């Protein structure tokens, strides 16, 4: 009985740790959902979003998803086309170092200087 309880506790801790890591990499739940869908199409199915996996994303279409924060997108270093219209984004700093972006759509957001 004690062994089962110990095993269950360890398993729950591992699962909770993976969830926390995903939330830390991409904190915005709506952006996280879009990123997970893209990674799943690439056959990358993990509990935690690994920043290294984000390098495999070249196109991001997240129009009208209720996204408030782009935190974590700085890991998507190969992004070429980014569609983020119709969200609630105000801070673009996570995109500042992304040198491969060729097209960026940000209409109907709350971007300020």
N, C-alpha and C. Protein backbone atom coordinates (compact mmCIF):
# COMPACT_ATOMS: atom_id res chain seq x y z
N UNK A 1 0.82 -1.19 0.00
CA UNK A 1 0.00 0.00 0.00
C UNK A 1 0.87 1.26 0.00
N UNK A 2 1.88 1.28 0.86
CA UNK A 2 2.77 2.43 0.94
C UNK A 2 3.54 2.60 -0.37
N UNK A 3 3.93 1.50 -0.98
CA UNK A 3 4.67 1.54 -2.24
C UNK A 3 3.80 2.16 -3.35
N UNK A 4 2.53 1.76 -3.41
CA UNK A 4 1.61 2.32 -4.40
C UNK A 4 1.44 3.82 -4.21
N UNK A 5 1.28 4.22 -2.97
CA UNK A 5 1.11 5.63 -2.67
C UNK A 5 2.36 6.42 -3.09
N UNK A 6 3.51 5.86 -2.84
CA UNK A 6 4.76 6.51 -3.22
C UNK A 6 4.87 6.63 -4.73
N UNK A 7 4.53 5.57 -5.44
CA UNK A 7 4.58 5.58 -6.90
C UNK A 7 3.61 6.61 -7.47
N UNK A 8 2.40 6.65 -6.93
CA UNK A 8 1.41 7.62 -7.39
C UNK A 8 1.87 9.05 -7.14
N UNK A 9 2.48 9.28 -6.00
CA UNK A 9 2.98 10.62 -5.67
C UNK A 9 4.08 11.04 -6.64
N UNK A 10 4.98 10.13 -6.95
CA UNK A 10 6.06 10.42 -7.88
C UNK A 10 5.50 10.72 -9.27
N UNK A 11 4.55 9.92 -9.72
CA UNK A 11 3.95 10.12 -11.04
C UNK A 11 3.24 11.46 -11.13
N UNK A 12 2.50 11.82 -10.11
CA UNK A 12 1.81 13.11 -10.09
C UNK A 12 2.80 14.26 -10.10
N UNK A 13 3.89 14.11 -9.40
CA UNK A 13 4.92 15.15 -9.38
C UNK A 13 5.54 15.34 -10.75
N UNK A 14 5.79 14.25 -11.45
CA UNK A 14 6.36 14.32 -12.79
C UNK A 14 5.40 15.02 -13.74
N UNK A 15 4.13 14.64 -13.71
CA UNK A 15 3.12 15.26 -14.58
C UNK A 15 2.96 16.74 -14.27
N UNK A 16 2.93 17.08 -13.02
CA UNK A 16 2.79 18.49 -12.62
C UNK A 16 4.00 19.29 -13.06
N UNK A 17 5.18 18.71 -12.96
CA UNK A 17 6.40 19.39 -13.38
C UNK A 17 6.40 19.68 -14.88
N UNK A 18 5.92 18.73 -15.67
CA UNK A 18 5.84 18.93 -17.12
C UNK A 18 4.86 20.05 -17.46
N UNK A 19 3.74 20.10 -16.77
CA UNK A 19 2.75 21.14 -17.00
C UNK A 19 3.31 22.51 -16.63
N UNK A 20 4.00 22.60 -15.54
CA UNK A 20 4.60 23.87 -15.12
C UNK A 20 5.63 24.33 -16.15
N UNK A 21 6.44 23.40 -16.68
CA UNK A 21 7.44 23.77 -17.68
C UNK A 21 6.77 24.33 -18.93
N UNK A 22 5.68 23.71 -19.38
CA UNK A 22 4.96 24.20 -20.56
C UNK A 22 4.43 25.59 -20.32
N UNK A 23 3.88 25.81 -19.13
CA UNK A 23 3.34 27.12 -18.80
C UNK A 23 4.44 28.17 -18.70
N UNK A 24 5.64 27.77 -18.27
CA UNK A 24 6.75 28.70 -18.17
C UNK A 24 7.30 29.05 -19.54
N UNK A 25 7.33 28.10 -20.47
CA UNK A 25 7.86 28.35 -21.81
C UNK A 25 6.92 29.26 -22.59
N UNK A 26 5.63 28.95 -22.59
CA UNK A 26 4.60 29.74 -23.26
C UNK A 26 3.51 30.01 -22.22
N UNK A 27 3.60 31.10 -21.47
CA UNK A 27 2.65 31.34 -20.37
C UNK A 27 1.21 31.60 -20.80
N UNK A 28 1.01 32.23 -21.95
CA UNK A 28 -0.36 32.53 -22.40
C UNK A 28 -1.04 31.23 -22.83
N UNK A 29 -2.15 30.85 -22.18
CA UNK A 29 -2.79 29.56 -22.49
C UNK A 29 -3.30 29.48 -23.92
N UNK A 30 -3.74 30.59 -24.50
CA UNK A 30 -4.25 30.56 -25.87
C UNK A 30 -3.12 30.39 -26.88
N UNK A 31 -2.00 31.07 -26.65
CA UNK A 31 -0.84 30.89 -27.51
C UNK A 31 -0.28 29.48 -27.34
N UNK A 32 -0.28 29.00 -26.12
CA UNK A 32 0.21 27.64 -25.84
C UNK A 32 -0.60 26.61 -26.63
N UNK A 33 -1.91 26.81 -26.70
CA UNK A 33 -2.78 25.89 -27.44
C UNK A 33 -2.44 25.89 -28.93
N UNK A 34 -2.20 27.07 -29.49
CA UNK A 34 -1.83 27.18 -30.91
C UNK A 34 -0.49 26.49 -31.16
N UNK A 35 0.48 26.75 -30.30
CA UNK A 35 1.81 26.15 -30.43
C UNK A 35 1.73 24.63 -30.33
N UNK A 36 0.96 24.14 -29.38
CA UNK A 36 0.82 22.67 -29.23
C UNK A 36 0.23 22.05 -30.50
N UNK A 37 -0.76 22.71 -31.09
CA UNK A 37 -1.38 22.19 -32.32
C UNK A 37 -0.36 22.13 -33.46
N UNK A 38 0.47 23.15 -33.57
CA UNK A 38 1.51 23.16 -34.61
C UNK A 38 2.51 22.03 -34.37
N UNK A 39 2.95 21.89 -33.14
CA UNK A 39 3.92 20.83 -32.82
C UNK A 39 3.34 19.44 -33.04
N UNK A 40 2.05 19.26 -32.72
CA UNK A 40 1.42 17.95 -32.94
C UNK A 40 1.37 17.61 -34.42
N UNK A 41 1.13 18.61 -35.28
CA UNK A 41 1.14 18.36 -36.73
C UNK A 41 2.53 17.94 -37.20
N UNK A 42 3.55 18.35 -36.47
CA UNK A 42 4.92 17.96 -36.79
C UNK A 42 5.33 16.68 -36.06
N UNK A 43 4.34 15.99 -35.48
CA UNK A 43 4.56 14.74 -34.75
C UNK A 43 5.41 14.95 -33.50
N UNK A 44 5.38 16.15 -32.94
CA UNK A 44 6.08 16.44 -31.68
C UNK A 44 5.02 16.50 -30.60
N UNK A 45 4.85 15.40 -29.89
CA UNK A 45 3.81 15.31 -28.87
C UNK A 45 4.45 15.06 -27.52
N UNK A 46 4.59 16.12 -26.76
CA UNK A 46 5.19 16.02 -25.43
C UNK A 46 4.29 16.75 -24.44
N UNK A 47 4.38 16.36 -23.19
CA UNK A 47 3.63 17.08 -22.16
C UNK A 47 4.16 18.50 -21.99
N UNK A 48 5.47 18.64 -22.04
CA UNK A 48 6.10 19.95 -21.85
C UNK A 48 6.55 20.50 -23.20
N UNK A 49 6.37 21.79 -23.39
CA UNK A 49 6.86 22.43 -24.59
C UNK A 49 8.35 22.73 -24.39
N UNK A 50 9.16 22.11 -25.21
CA UNK A 50 10.61 22.27 -25.13
C UNK A 50 11.02 23.44 -26.03
N UNK A 51 11.73 24.43 -25.50
CA UNK A 51 12.16 25.56 -26.33
C UNK A 51 12.90 25.12 -27.60
N UNK A 52 13.61 24.01 -27.55
CA UNK A 52 14.32 23.51 -28.74
C UNK A 52 13.34 23.11 -29.84
N UNK A 53 12.17 22.57 -29.47
CA UNK A 53 11.16 22.18 -30.46
C UNK A 53 10.56 23.39 -31.16
N UNK A 54 10.58 24.54 -30.50
CA UNK A 54 9.99 25.74 -31.08
C UNK A 54 10.77 26.24 -32.29
N UNK A 55 12.00 25.79 -32.43
CA UNK A 55 12.80 26.17 -33.59
C UNK A 55 12.27 25.54 -34.88
N UNK A 56 11.42 24.55 -34.76
CA UNK A 56 10.86 23.88 -35.94
C UNK A 56 9.65 24.61 -36.51
N UNK A 57 9.24 25.70 -35.88
CA UNK A 57 8.06 26.44 -36.33
C UNK A 57 8.49 27.58 -37.24
N UNK A 58 7.96 27.57 -38.47
CA UNK A 58 8.28 28.59 -39.46
C UNK A 58 7.10 29.54 -39.71
N UNK A 59 5.89 29.03 -39.55
CA UNK A 59 4.68 29.82 -39.80
C UNK A 59 3.78 29.73 -38.58
N UNK A 60 3.25 30.87 -38.17
CA UNK A 60 2.35 30.90 -37.02
C UNK A 60 1.10 31.67 -37.41
N UNK A 61 -0.03 30.99 -37.42
CA UNK A 61 -1.32 31.63 -37.68
C UNK A 61 -2.15 31.53 -36.42
N UNK A 62 -2.21 32.63 -35.69
CA UNK A 62 -2.93 32.66 -34.41
C UNK A 62 -3.90 33.84 -34.40
N UNK A 63 -4.58 34.05 -35.51
CA UNK A 63 -5.53 35.16 -35.61
C UNK A 63 -6.77 34.87 -34.77
N UNK A 64 -7.20 35.89 -34.02
CA UNK A 64 -8.44 35.80 -33.27
C UNK A 64 -8.48 34.73 -32.19
N UNK A 65 -7.39 34.50 -31.52
CA UNK A 65 -7.32 33.45 -30.49
C UNK A 65 -7.36 33.99 -29.06
N UNK A 66 -7.50 35.30 -28.88
CA UNK A 66 -7.55 35.86 -27.53
C UNK A 66 -6.20 35.90 -26.84
N UNK A 67 -5.13 35.94 -27.62
CA UNK A 67 -3.77 35.95 -27.08
C UNK A 67 -3.46 37.32 -26.49
N UNK A 68 -2.91 37.31 -25.28
CA UNK A 68 -2.53 38.55 -24.60
C UNK A 68 -1.02 38.72 -24.52
N UNK A 69 -0.29 37.62 -24.45
CA UNK A 69 1.17 37.67 -24.26
C UNK A 69 1.87 36.82 -25.32
N UNK A 70 2.96 37.36 -25.85
CA UNK A 70 3.79 36.62 -26.80
C UNK A 70 5.01 36.01 -26.14
N UNK A 71 5.08 36.08 -24.83
CA UNK A 71 6.23 35.52 -24.10
C UNK A 71 6.44 34.06 -24.50
N UNK A 72 7.66 33.73 -24.80
CA UNK A 72 8.01 32.38 -25.23
C UNK A 72 8.26 32.30 -26.73
N UNK A 73 7.67 33.21 -27.50
CA UNK A 73 7.88 33.18 -28.95
C UNK A 73 9.32 33.49 -29.33
N UNK A 74 10.08 34.07 -28.42
CA UNK A 74 11.49 34.36 -28.70
C UNK A 74 12.27 33.07 -28.99
N UNK A 75 11.72 31.93 -28.59
CA UNK A 75 12.36 30.64 -28.86
C UNK A 75 12.06 30.13 -30.27
N UNK A 76 11.09 30.74 -30.94
CA UNK A 76 10.73 30.34 -32.31
C UNK A 76 11.63 31.10 -33.29
N UNK A 77 12.89 30.80 -33.26
CA UNK A 77 13.90 31.59 -33.98
C UNK A 77 13.81 31.47 -35.49
N UNK A 78 13.05 30.53 -36.02
CA UNK A 78 12.93 30.37 -37.46
C UNK A 78 11.61 30.87 -38.02
N UNK A 79 10.85 31.58 -37.22
CA UNK A 79 9.57 32.11 -37.70
C UNK A 79 9.79 33.03 -38.90
N UNK A 80 9.04 32.80 -39.98
CA UNK A 80 9.12 33.63 -41.17
C UNK A 80 7.83 34.42 -41.37
N UNK A 81 6.71 33.81 -41.08
CA UNK A 81 5.41 34.47 -41.25
C UNK A 81 4.61 34.34 -39.96
N UNK A 82 4.14 35.48 -39.45
CA UNK A 82 3.43 35.51 -38.17
C UNK A 82 2.12 36.26 -38.34
N UNK A 83 1.02 35.58 -38.11
CA UNK A 83 -0.31 36.19 -38.22
C UNK A 83 -0.94 36.23 -36.83
N UNK A 84 -1.03 37.43 -36.28
CA UNK A 84 -1.53 37.61 -34.91
C UNK A 84 -2.65 38.64 -34.84
N UNK A 85 -3.31 38.91 -35.94
CA UNK A 85 -4.40 39.89 -35.95
C UNK A 85 -5.53 39.47 -35.02
N UNK A 86 -6.30 40.45 -34.57
CA UNK A 86 -7.50 40.22 -33.76
C UNK A 86 -7.22 39.51 -32.44
N UNK A 87 -6.22 39.98 -31.72
CA UNK A 87 -5.91 39.45 -30.39
C UNK A 87 -5.87 40.62 -29.41
N UNK A 88 -5.26 40.42 -28.26
CA UNK A 88 -5.18 41.46 -27.23
C UNK A 88 -3.72 41.73 -26.86
N UNK A 89 -2.86 41.72 -27.86
CA UNK A 89 -1.41 41.84 -27.66
C UNK A 89 -1.02 43.31 -27.52
N UNK A 90 -0.21 43.60 -26.51
CA UNK A 90 0.28 44.97 -26.33
C UNK A 90 1.81 45.04 -26.36
N UNK A 91 2.49 43.95 -26.04
CA UNK A 91 3.96 43.94 -25.94
C UNK A 91 4.54 43.05 -27.03
N UNK A 92 5.36 43.64 -27.89
CA UNK A 92 5.98 42.89 -28.99
C UNK A 92 7.43 42.49 -28.71
N UNK A 93 7.92 42.78 -27.53
CA UNK A 93 9.33 42.53 -27.23
C UNK A 93 9.79 41.08 -27.47
N UNK A 94 8.94 40.05 -27.28
CA UNK A 94 9.43 38.69 -27.57
C UNK A 94 9.77 38.48 -29.05
N UNK A 95 9.29 39.36 -29.93
CA UNK A 95 9.58 39.23 -31.36
C UNK A 95 10.84 39.99 -31.77
N UNK A 96 11.39 40.79 -30.89
CA UNK A 96 12.48 41.72 -31.22
C UNK A 96 13.71 41.05 -31.82
N UNK A 97 14.07 39.88 -31.37
CA UNK A 97 15.29 39.22 -31.84
C UNK A 97 15.04 38.19 -32.94
N UNK A 98 13.82 38.10 -33.43
CA UNK A 98 13.50 37.11 -34.46
C UNK A 98 13.83 37.69 -35.83
N UNK A 99 14.98 37.36 -36.34
CA UNK A 99 15.54 37.96 -37.55
C UNK A 99 14.98 37.39 -38.85
N UNK A 100 14.29 36.25 -38.79
CA UNK A 100 13.80 35.61 -40.01
C UNK A 100 12.38 36.02 -40.38
N UNK A 101 11.74 36.84 -39.58
CA UNK A 101 10.35 37.23 -39.88
C UNK A 101 10.33 38.08 -41.14
N UNK A 102 9.53 37.63 -42.12
CA UNK A 102 9.35 38.36 -43.37
C UNK A 102 7.98 39.02 -43.44
N UNK A 103 6.98 38.40 -42.80
CA UNK A 103 5.62 38.94 -42.79
C UNK A 103 5.09 38.91 -41.37
N UNK A 104 4.53 40.04 -40.94
CA UNK A 104 4.01 40.15 -39.58
C UNK A 104 2.68 40.88 -39.63
N UNK A 105 1.62 40.20 -39.21
CA UNK A 105 0.27 40.76 -39.23
C UNK A 105 -0.19 40.99 -37.79
N UNK A 106 -0.44 42.25 -37.44
CA UNK A 106 -0.78 42.61 -36.06
C UNK A 106 -2.02 43.49 -35.96
N UNK A 107 -2.79 43.60 -37.01
CA UNK A 107 -3.95 44.51 -36.96
C UNK A 107 -4.93 44.11 -35.86
N UNK A 108 -5.62 45.11 -35.36
CA UNK A 108 -6.64 44.94 -34.31
C UNK A 108 -6.08 44.27 -33.05
N UNK A 109 -5.00 44.85 -32.55
CA UNK A 109 -4.40 44.47 -31.27
C UNK A 109 -4.28 45.74 -30.43
N UNK A 110 -3.65 45.65 -29.29
CA UNK A 110 -3.52 46.79 -28.39
C UNK A 110 -2.06 47.22 -28.27
N UNK A 111 -1.33 47.16 -29.38
CA UNK A 111 0.09 47.47 -29.40
C UNK A 111 0.31 48.95 -29.11
N UNK A 112 1.27 49.22 -28.22
CA UNK A 112 1.64 50.60 -27.92
C UNK A 112 3.16 50.71 -27.91
N UNK A 113 3.67 51.92 -27.98
CA UNK A 113 5.13 52.13 -27.98
C UNK A 113 5.73 51.80 -26.65
